[in-house]
Amino acid sequence: IEQLPEFPGGMQAFMSHISKSIRYPWICKEQKIQGNVLVGFVVEKDGSVSDVTAVKKVHANLNTEAIRVVKSLKKWTPGTKDGQLVRVQSAVYVTFSL
């Protein structure tokens, strides 16, 4: 990969979007469940996000919320290889802490 996919505004905007979009599941708050969900996804040639899955899971409700947030991401600037647009596998930790 020559050019990795980039979220509009860079990594700081990416992390800000995730933190603002999280809705901590009330049952997990009540039970004081915390942790980091590793979410894998693919940035497609058109910049859209697909194949979103929880790779490292914590709790069903936290996993579902982390997947929802990553699926809601706006389009990225796609990755390139040899001057061609390519699909790129990526992952991000979504942190849930009280």
Protein backbone atom coordinates (compact mmCIF):
# COMPACT_ATOMS: atom_id res chain seq x y z
CA ILE A 1 0.00 0.00 0.00
CA GLU A 2 1.47 3.33 -1.05
CA GLN A 3 -1.18 5.53 0.53
CA LEU A 4 -3.22 4.27 3.48
CA PRO A 5 -6.87 5.28 3.71
CA GLU A 6 -7.43 8.51 5.58
CA PHE A 7 -10.46 9.67 7.53
CA PRO A 8 -11.53 13.23 6.60
CA GLY A 9 -9.72 15.50 9.07
CA GLY A 10 -7.19 12.85 10.06
CA MET A 11 -6.87 10.58 13.06
CA GLN A 12 -7.87 13.26 15.56
CA ALA A 13 -11.19 13.79 13.73
CA PHE A 14 -11.64 10.01 13.52
CA MET A 15 -11.19 9.50 17.28
CA SER A 16 -13.36 12.53 18.02
CA HIS A 17 -16.16 11.14 15.82
CA ILE A 18 -16.02 7.80 17.61
CA SER A 19 -16.04 9.31 21.10
CA LYS A 20 -18.95 11.66 20.25
CA SER A 21 -21.00 8.87 18.64
CA ILE A 22 -20.73 6.31 21.46
CA ARG A 23 -23.88 5.65 23.46
CA TYR A 24 -22.80 3.59 26.46
CA PRO A 25 -25.35 0.76 26.88
CA TRP A 26 -27.21 1.36 30.15
CA ILE A 27 -27.03 -2.30 31.21
CA CYS A 28 -23.24 -2.16 30.92
CA LYS A 29 -23.14 1.09 32.91
CA GLU A 30 -25.33 -0.48 35.57
CA GLN A 31 -23.08 -3.55 35.80
CA LYS A 32 -19.90 -1.42 35.52
CA ILE A 33 -18.69 -3.31 32.44
CA GLN A 34 -15.73 -1.65 30.72
CA GLY A 35 -13.18 -2.62 28.11
CA ASN A 36 -11.73 -2.19 24.63
CA VAL A 37 -13.55 -3.68 21.65
CA LEU A 38 -11.29 -4.23 18.64
CA VAL A 39 -13.36 -3.58 15.52
CA GLY A 40 -12.07 -4.73 12.15
CA PHE A 41 -13.33 -3.17 8.92
CA VAL A 42 -12.48 -2.65 5.26
CA VAL A 43 -12.14 0.76 3.60
CA GLU A 44 -13.47 0.16 0.09
CA LYS A 45 -12.22 1.68 -3.17
CA ASP A 46 -14.99 4.31 -2.96
CA GLY A 47 -14.03 5.20 0.64
CA SER A 48 -17.01 3.50 2.26
CA VAL A 49 -16.64 1.21 5.27
CA SER A 50 -17.67 -2.46 4.99
CA ASP A 51 -17.17 -5.87 6.62
CA VAL A 52 -17.38 -4.40 10.12
CA THR A 53 -16.85 -7.05 12.82
CA ALA A 54 -15.85 -7.20 16.47
CA VAL A 55 -12.49 -8.99 16.55
CA LYS A 56 -11.76 -8.68 20.28
CA LYS A 57 -15.02 -8.77 22.17
CA VAL A 58 -15.89 -7.55 25.66
CA HIS A 59 -19.67 -7.82 26.13
CA ALA A 60 -22.45 -8.35 23.58
CA ASN A 61 -23.91 -4.85 24.09
CA LEU A 62 -20.53 -3.11 23.95
CA ASN A 63 -19.56 -5.10 20.85
CA THR A 64 -22.83 -4.14 19.12
CA GLU A 65 -22.38 -0.46 19.98
CA ALA A 66 -18.77 -0.41 18.75
CA ILE A 67 -19.84 -2.00 15.45
CA ARG A 68 -22.70 0.51 15.07
CA VAL A 69 -20.35 3.46 15.55
CA VAL A 70 -17.78 2.18 13.03
CA LYS A 71 -20.53 1.45 10.49
CA SER A 72 -21.71 5.07 10.86
CA LEU A 73 -18.35 6.51 9.72
CA LYS A 74 -18.44 8.84 6.74
CA LYS A 75 -16.43 8.04 3.63
CA TRP A 76 -12.66 7.94 3.84
CA THR A 77 -10.08 8.91 1.24
CA PRO A 78 -9.34 5.40 -0.11
CA GLY A 79 -5.95 3.71 -0.11
CA THR A 80 -3.84 3.34 -3.23
CA LYS A 81 -1.29 0.86 -4.54
CA ASP A 82 0.59 1.33 -7.82
CA GLY A 83 -1.63 4.34 -8.53
CA GLN A 84 -4.82 2.27 -8.26
CA LEU A 85 -7.53 2.51 -5.62
CA VAL A 86 -7.53 -0.58 -3.38
CA ARG A 87 -9.55 -2.09 -0.53
CA VAL A 88 -7.67 -1.86 2.77
CA GLN A 89 -8.30 -3.89 5.92
CA SER A 90 -8.08 -1.82 9.08
CA ALA A 91 -9.00 -1.99 12.75
CA VAL A 92 -9.63 0.34 15.65
CA TYR A 93 -10.06 -0.09 19.39
CA VAL A 94 -13.27 1.41 20.72
CA THR A 95 -12.78 2.11 24.42
CA PHE A 96 -15.61 1.95 26.91
CA SER A 97 -14.73 3.34 30.32
CA LEU A 98 -16.82 4.71 33.16
